[in-house]
Amino acid sequence: MDQARCPWAVTPAEIAYHDQEWGRPLHDDRALFELLVLEGMQAGVSWRIILEKRDAFRQAFDGFDPQVVAGYGPEKLEALMHDSGILRNRTKLRCAISNAAAFLHIQQEFGSFDNYIWSWVGGVPIVNHPCSMEDLPAQTPLSETISTDLKKRGFKFVGPVIVYAYLQSAGLVNDHMEWCPWHGSTDR
């Protein structure tokens, strides 16, 4: 596609992610959990690497079923540590497992994680108007507030920068460049 798009989307995986997912409202709890795990895994690593390993992560994490992931024990953690298809950071892997349990608690309290996370924006995506990459913040007061709440609920690897990236990837925030064809798009 020779169309202008946000400048960070360069590789085929990034372009597909940009054009089909990023900034588009996501309401499926399993997919919301997947992004939460992947955003945590991305800390200190290029998103490009995460996208390239996404299928391996899906396989290693049993399709990102939070019920299954929450039940992982020491043997599964060791199996993940030996899976060359994913990032093998023990701390991040442990956090993904404990975050699954916290995710399940939110589902029980709010009926779904979707209900919880979308309540922060009143169910309507925030559409920003960046004209360049320099216009994109790393974090916002909203991501700081959500980060604090998630941490109180037992989540790890959910600092305000990770949460802001999560809000963008799950479509709660649309940060496509104003000149990008996907700016303001809320189609799924």
C-alpha atoms as a PDB file:
ATOM      1  CA  MET A   1       0.000   0.000   0.000  1.00  0.00           C
ATOM      2  CA  ASP A   2       1.592   3.280  -1.099  1.00  0.00           C
ATOM      3  CA  GLN A   3      -0.661   5.327   1.131  1.00  0.00           C
ATOM      4  CA  ALA A   4       0.739   7.713   3.745  1.00  0.00           C
ATOM      5  CA  ARG A   5       0.540   6.323   7.259  1.00  0.00           C
ATOM      6  CA  CYS A   6       2.047   7.004  10.661  1.00  0.00           C
ATOM      7  CA  PRO A   7       5.847   7.075  10.270  1.00  0.00           C
ATOM      8  CA  TRP A   8       6.557   4.345  12.841  1.00  0.00           C
ATOM      9  CA  ALA A   9       4.874   1.703  10.657  1.00  0.00           C
ATOM     10  CA  VAL A  10       7.736   0.551   8.443  1.00  0.00           C
ATOM     11  CA  THR A  11       8.045  -3.254   8.374  1.00  0.00           C
ATOM     12  CA  PRO A  12       5.289  -5.499   6.999  1.00  0.00           C
ATOM     13  CA  ALA A  13       4.314  -6.568  10.543  1.00  0.00           C
ATOM     14  CA  GLU A  14       4.174  -2.949  11.728  1.00  0.00           C
ATOM     15  CA  ILE A  15       2.161  -1.873   8.688  1.00  0.00           C
ATOM     16  CA  ALA A  16      -0.375  -4.668   9.172  1.00  0.00           C
ATOM     17  CA  TYR A  17      -0.654  -3.866  12.888  1.00  0.00           C
ATOM     18  CA  HIS A  18      -1.016  -0.141  12.182  1.00  0.00           C
ATOM     19  CA  ASP A  19      -3.601  -0.580   9.441  1.00  0.00           C
ATOM     20  CA  GLN A  20      -5.698  -3.287  11.102  1.00  0.00           C
ATOM     21  CA  GLU A  21      -5.410  -2.820  14.868  1.00  0.00           C
ATOM     22  CA  TRP A  22      -3.624   0.164  16.372  1.00  0.00           C
ATOM     23  CA  GLY A  23      -6.011   2.846  17.582  1.00  0.00           C
ATOM     24  CA  ARG A  24      -9.127   0.828  16.803  1.00  0.00           C
ATOM     25  CA  PRO A  25     -11.490   0.086  19.684  1.00  0.00           C
ATOM     26  CA  LEU A  26     -10.976  -3.385  21.087  1.00  0.00           C
ATOM     27  CA  HIS A  27     -13.619  -4.960  23.328  1.00  0.00           C
ATOM     28  CA  ASP A  28     -12.680  -8.651  23.432  1.00  0.00           C
ATOM     29  CA  ASP A  29     -11.313  -9.593  26.865  1.00  0.00           C
ATOM     30  CA  ARG A  30      -8.925 -12.239  25.544  1.00  0.00           C
ATOM     31  CA  ALA A  31      -7.461  -9.774  23.041  1.00  0.00           C
ATOM     32  CA  LEU A  32      -7.276  -7.078  25.747  1.00  0.00           C
ATOM     33  CA  PHE A  33      -5.330  -9.507  27.928  1.00  0.00           C
ATOM     34  CA  GLU A  34      -3.015 -10.368  25.038  1.00  0.00           C
ATOM     35  CA  LEU A  35      -2.155  -6.713  24.501  1.00  0.00           C
ATOM     36  CA  LEU A  36      -1.610  -6.193  28.219  1.00  0.00           C
ATOM     37  CA  VAL A  37       0.919  -9.047  28.281  1.00  0.00           C
ATOM     38  CA  LEU A  38       2.608  -7.916  25.068  1.00  0.00           C
ATOM     39  CA  GLU A  39       2.889  -4.295  26.193  1.00  0.00           C
ATOM     40  CA  GLY A  40       4.526  -5.488  29.407  1.00  0.00           C
ATOM     41  CA  MET A  41       6.897  -7.697  27.425  1.00  0.00           C
ATOM     42  CA  GLN A  42       7.746  -4.734  25.204  1.00  0.00           C
ATOM     43  CA  ALA A  43       9.265  -2.682  28.052  1.00  0.00           C
ATOM     44  CA  GLY A  44      12.843  -1.978  26.987  1.00  0.00           C
ATOM     45  CA  VAL A  45      12.410  -3.788  23.659  1.00  0.00           C
ATOM     46  CA  SER A  46      11.294  -2.634  20.226  1.00  0.00           C
ATOM     47  CA  TRP A  47       7.597  -3.142  19.455  1.00  0.00           C
ATOM     48  CA  ARG A  48       8.793  -4.506  16.119  1.00  0.00           C
ATOM     49  CA  ILE A  49      10.366  -7.474  17.947  1.00  0.00           C
ATOM     50  CA  ILE A  50       7.143  -8.116  19.857  1.00  0.00           C
ATOM     51  CA  LEU A  51       5.119  -8.094  16.643  1.00  0.00           C
ATOM     52  CA  GLU A  52       7.559 -10.497  14.997  1.00  0.00           C
ATOM     53  CA  LYS A  53       7.220 -12.877  17.955  1.00  0.00           C
ATOM     54  CA  ARG A  54       3.476 -12.404  18.439  1.00  0.00           C
ATOM     55  CA  ASP A  55       2.427 -15.769  16.995  1.00  0.00           C
ATOM     56  CA  ALA A  56       5.011 -17.548  19.142  1.00  0.00           C
ATOM     57  CA  PHE A  57       3.700 -15.679  22.190  1.00  0.00           C
ATOM     58  CA  ARG A  58       0.137 -16.738  21.335  1.00  0.00           C
ATOM     59  CA  GLN A  59       1.200 -20.359  21.135  1.00  0.00           C
ATOM     60  CA  ALA A  60       3.365 -20.225  24.266  1.00  0.00           C
ATOM     61  CA  PHE A  61       0.608 -18.507  26.277  1.00  0.00           C
ATOM     62  CA  ASP A  62      -2.224 -20.835  25.204  1.00  0.00           C
ATOM     63  CA  GLY A  63      -3.948 -18.233  23.057  1.00  0.00           C
ATOM     64  CA  PHE A  64      -3.735 -15.715  25.920  1.00  0.00           C
ATOM     65  CA  ASP A  65      -6.595 -17.306  27.799  1.00  0.00           C
ATOM     66  CA  PRO A  66      -6.267 -15.519  31.161  1.00  0.00           C
ATOM     67  CA  GLN A  67      -7.897 -18.428  33.025  1.00  0.00           C
ATOM     68  CA  VAL A  68      -5.254 -20.811  31.702  1.00  0.00           C
ATOM     69  CA  VAL A  69      -2.339 -18.393  32.161  1.00  0.00           C
ATOM     70  CA  ALA A  70      -3.360 -17.660  35.771  1.00  0.00           C
ATOM     71  CA  GLY A  71      -2.982 -21.370  36.492  1.00  0.00           C
ATOM     72  CA  TYR A  72       0.599 -21.641  35.239  1.00  0.00           C
ATOM     73  CA  GLY A  73       2.937 -23.167  37.773  1.00  0.00           C
ATOM     74  CA  PRO A  74       6.735 -23.494  38.042  1.00  0.00           C
ATOM     75  CA  GLU A  75       6.935 -26.154  35.301  1.00  0.00           C
ATOM     76  CA  LYS A  76       5.171 -23.930  32.771  1.00  0.00           C
ATOM     77  CA  LEU A  77       7.354 -20.978  33.756  1.00  0.00           C
ATOM     78  CA  GLU A  78      10.438 -23.112  33.064  1.00  0.00           C
ATOM     79  CA  ALA A  79       8.973 -24.213  29.728  1.00  0.00           C
ATOM     80  CA  LEU A  80       8.444 -20.552  28.815  1.00  0.00           C
ATOM     81  CA  MET A  81      12.031 -19.795  29.822  1.00  0.00           C
ATOM     82  CA  HIS A  82      13.194 -22.391  27.298  1.00  0.00           C
ATOM     83  CA  ASP A  83      10.930 -21.231  24.445  1.00  0.00           C
ATOM     84  CA  SER A  84      13.255 -19.553  21.950  1.00  0.00           C
ATOM     85  CA  GLY A  85      10.301 -18.070  20.046  1.00  0.00           C
ATOM     86  CA  ILE A  86       9.451 -15.576  22.805  1.00  0.00           C
ATOM     87  CA  LEU A  87      11.278 -13.140  25.044  1.00  0.00           C
ATOM     88  CA  ARG A  88      12.623 -15.111  27.975  1.00  0.00           C
ATOM     89  CA  ASN A  89      12.738 -12.603  30.789  1.00  0.00           C
ATOM     90  CA  ARG A  90      11.811 -14.437  33.982  1.00  0.00           C
ATOM     91  CA  THR A  91      10.513 -11.319  35.718  1.00  0.00           C
ATOM     92  CA  LYS A  92       8.259 -10.386  32.801  1.00  0.00           C
ATOM     93  CA  LEU A  93       7.011 -13.957  32.459  1.00  0.00           C
ATOM     94  CA  ARG A  94       6.168 -14.141  36.169  1.00  0.00           C
ATOM     95  CA  CYS A  95       4.357 -10.816  35.877  1.00  0.00           C
ATOM     96  CA  ALA A  96       2.318 -12.068  32.924  1.00  0.00           C
ATOM     97  CA  ILE A  97       1.161 -14.997  35.056  1.00  0.00           C
ATOM     98  CA  SER A  98       0.321 -12.891  38.105  1.00  0.00           C
ATOM     99  CA  ASN A  99      -1.341 -10.276  35.884  1.00  0.00           C
ATOM    100  CA  ALA A 100      -3.633 -13.009  34.557  1.00  0.00           C
ATOM    101  CA  ALA A 101      -4.914 -13.594  38.094  1.00  0.00           C
ATOM    102  CA  ALA A 102      -5.415  -9.851  38.620  1.00  0.00           C
ATOM    103  CA  PHE A 103      -7.184  -9.688  35.236  1.00  0.00           C
ATOM    104  CA  LEU A 104      -9.598 -12.416  36.379  1.00  0.00           C
ATOM    105  CA  HIS A 105     -10.366 -10.451  39.559  1.00  0.00           C
ATOM    106  CA  ILE A 106     -11.262  -7.389  37.477  1.00  0.00           C
ATOM    107  CA  GLN A 107     -13.496  -9.548  35.275  1.00  0.00           C
ATOM    108  CA  GLN A 108     -15.294 -10.794  38.375  1.00  0.00           C
ATOM    109  CA  GLU A 109     -15.684  -7.298  39.840  1.00  0.00           C
ATOM    110  CA  PHE A 110     -16.733  -5.462  36.665  1.00  0.00           C
ATOM    111  CA  GLY A 111     -18.277  -8.269  34.606  1.00  0.00           C
ATOM    112  CA  SER A 112     -15.454  -7.990  32.073  1.00  0.00           C
ATOM    113  CA  PHE A 113     -12.085  -6.325  31.710  1.00  0.00           C
ATOM    114  CA  ASP A 114     -13.640  -4.447  28.798  1.00  0.00           C
ATOM    115  CA  ASN A 115     -16.146  -2.814  31.170  1.00  0.00           C
ATOM    116  CA  TYR A 116     -13.334  -1.836  33.519  1.00  0.00           C
ATOM    117  CA  ILE A 117     -10.861  -0.387  31.016  1.00  0.00           C
ATOM    118  CA  TRP A 118     -13.414   1.420  28.840  1.00  0.00           C
ATOM    119  CA  SER A 119     -14.988   3.048  31.901  1.00  0.00           C
ATOM    120  CA  TRP A 120     -11.877   5.234  32.099  1.00  0.00           C
ATOM    121  CA  VAL A 121     -12.835   6.951  28.824  1.00  0.00           C
ATOM    122  CA  GLY A 122     -16.600   6.812  29.218  1.00  0.00           C
ATOM    123  CA  GLY A 123     -16.806   4.110  26.547  1.00  0.00           C
ATOM    124  CA  VAL A 124     -15.706   6.532  23.807  1.00  0.00           C
ATOM    125  CA  PRO A 125     -12.209   6.621  22.287  1.00  0.00           C
ATOM    126  CA  ILE A 126     -10.097   9.714  22.803  1.00  0.00           C
ATOM    127  CA  VAL A 127      -9.090  11.007  19.372  1.00  0.00           C
ATOM    128  CA  ASN A 128      -5.966  13.136  19.480  1.00  0.00           C
ATOM    129  CA  HIS A 129      -4.605  15.270  16.652  1.00  0.00           C
ATOM    130  CA  PRO A 130      -0.862  14.705  16.384  1.00  0.00           C
ATOM    131  CA  CYS A 131       0.885  16.120  13.332  1.00  0.00           C
ATOM    132  CA  SER A 132       4.285  14.531  14.017  1.00  0.00           C
ATOM    133  CA  MET A 133       5.825  11.867  16.216  1.00  0.00           C
ATOM    134  CA  GLU A 134       7.030  14.630  18.542  1.00  0.00           C
ATOM    135  CA  ASP A 135       3.375  15.412  19.318  1.00  0.00           C
ATOM    136  CA  LEU A 136       2.835  11.981  20.879  1.00  0.00           C
ATOM    137  CA  PRO A 137       3.250  11.885  24.644  1.00  0.00           C
ATOM    138  CA  ALA A 138       4.914   8.939  26.348  1.00  0.00           C
ATOM    139  CA  GLN A 139       2.321   9.115  29.106  1.00  0.00           C
ATOM    140  CA  THR A 140      -0.639  11.222  30.170  1.00  0.00           C
ATOM    141  CA  PRO A 141      -2.480  12.004  33.401  1.00  0.00           C
ATOM    142  CA  LEU A 142      -5.026   9.351  32.366  1.00  0.00           C
ATOM    143  CA  SER A 143      -2.354   6.671  31.902  1.00  0.00           C
ATOM    144  CA  GLU A 144      -0.856   7.653  35.274  1.00  0.00           C
ATOM    145  CA  THR A 145      -4.250   7.260  36.968  1.00  0.00           C
ATOM    146  CA  ILE A 146      -4.988   3.903  35.331  1.00  0.00           C
ATOM    147  CA  SER A 147      -1.458   2.697  36.107  1.00  0.00           C
ATOM    148  CA  THR A 148      -1.942   3.540  39.775  1.00  0.00           C
ATOM    149  CA  ASP A 149      -5.279   1.733  39.871  1.00  0.00           C
ATOM    150  CA  LEU A 150      -3.929  -1.364  38.119  1.00  0.00           C
ATOM    151  CA  LYS A 151      -0.995  -1.528  40.535  1.00  0.00           C
ATOM    152  CA  LYS A 152      -3.401  -1.304  43.484  1.00  0.00           C
ATOM    153  CA  ARG A 153      -5.201  -4.278  41.963  1.00  0.00           C
ATOM    154  CA  GLY A 154      -1.990  -6.337  41.878  1.00  0.00           C
ATOM    155  CA  PHE A 155      -0.769  -5.760  38.305  1.00  0.00           C
ATOM    156  CA  LYS A 156       2.929  -5.454  37.508  1.00  0.00           C
ATOM    157  CA  PHE A 157       4.709  -3.940  34.485  1.00  0.00           C
ATOM    158  CA  VAL A 158       1.891  -1.428  34.111  1.00  0.00           C
ATOM    159  CA  GLY A 159       3.670   1.885  34.539  1.00  0.00           C
ATOM    160  CA  PRO A 160       2.147   4.998  32.941  1.00  0.00           C
ATOM    161  CA  VAL A 161       4.214   4.648  29.731  1.00  0.00           C
ATOM    162  CA  ILE A 162       3.188   1.012  29.248  1.00  0.00           C
ATOM    163  CA  VAL A 163      -0.431   1.893  30.050  1.00  0.00           C
ATOM    164  CA  TYR A 164      -0.416   4.731  27.506  1.00  0.00           C
ATOM    165  CA  ALA A 165       0.922   2.382  24.818  1.00  0.00           C
ATOM    166  CA  TYR A 166      -1.796  -0.070  25.859  1.00  0.00           C
ATOM    167  CA  LEU A 167      -4.510   2.592  25.541  1.00  0.00           C
ATOM    168  CA  GLN A 168      -3.251   3.340  22.037  1.00  0.00           C
ATOM    169  CA  SER A 169      -3.038  -0.295  20.980  1.00  0.00           C
ATOM    170  CA  ALA A 170      -6.495  -1.168  22.367  1.00  0.00           C
ATOM    171  CA  GLY A 171      -8.070   1.866  20.698  1.00  0.00           C
ATOM    172  CA  LEU A 172      -9.047   3.781  23.814  1.00  0.00           C
ATOM    173  CA  VAL A 173      -6.776   6.471  22.399  1.00  0.00           C
ATOM    174  CA  ASN A 174      -6.466   7.118  18.671  1.00  0.00           C
ATOM    175  CA  ASP A 175      -3.076   8.726  18.092  1.00  0.00           C
ATOM    176  CA  HIS A 176      -2.842   8.297  14.334  1.00  0.00           C
ATOM    177  CA  MET A 177      -1.293  11.345  12.693  1.00  0.00           C
ATOM    178  CA  GLU A 178      -3.875  13.857  11.483  1.00  0.00           C
ATOM    179  CA  TRP A 179      -2.787  13.179   7.904  1.00  0.00           C
ATOM    180  CA  CYS A 180      -2.917   9.379   8.321  1.00  0.00           C
ATOM    181  CA  PRO A 181      -5.898   7.708   6.626  1.00  0.00           C
ATOM    182  CA  TRP A 182      -6.673   5.937   9.915  1.00  0.00           C
ATOM    183  CA  HIS A 183      -6.824   9.143  11.982  1.00  0.00           C
ATOM    184  CA  GLY A 184     -10.076   9.188  13.896  1.00  0.00           C
ATOM    185  CA  SER A 185     -11.148   5.818  12.499  1.00  0.00           C
ATOM    186  CA  THR A 186     -13.048   3.712  14.993  1.00  0.00           C
ATOM    187  CA  ASP A 187     -13.853   0.894  12.594  1.00  0.00           C
ATOM    188  CA  ARG A 188     -12.777  -2.565  13.614  1.00  0.00           C
END
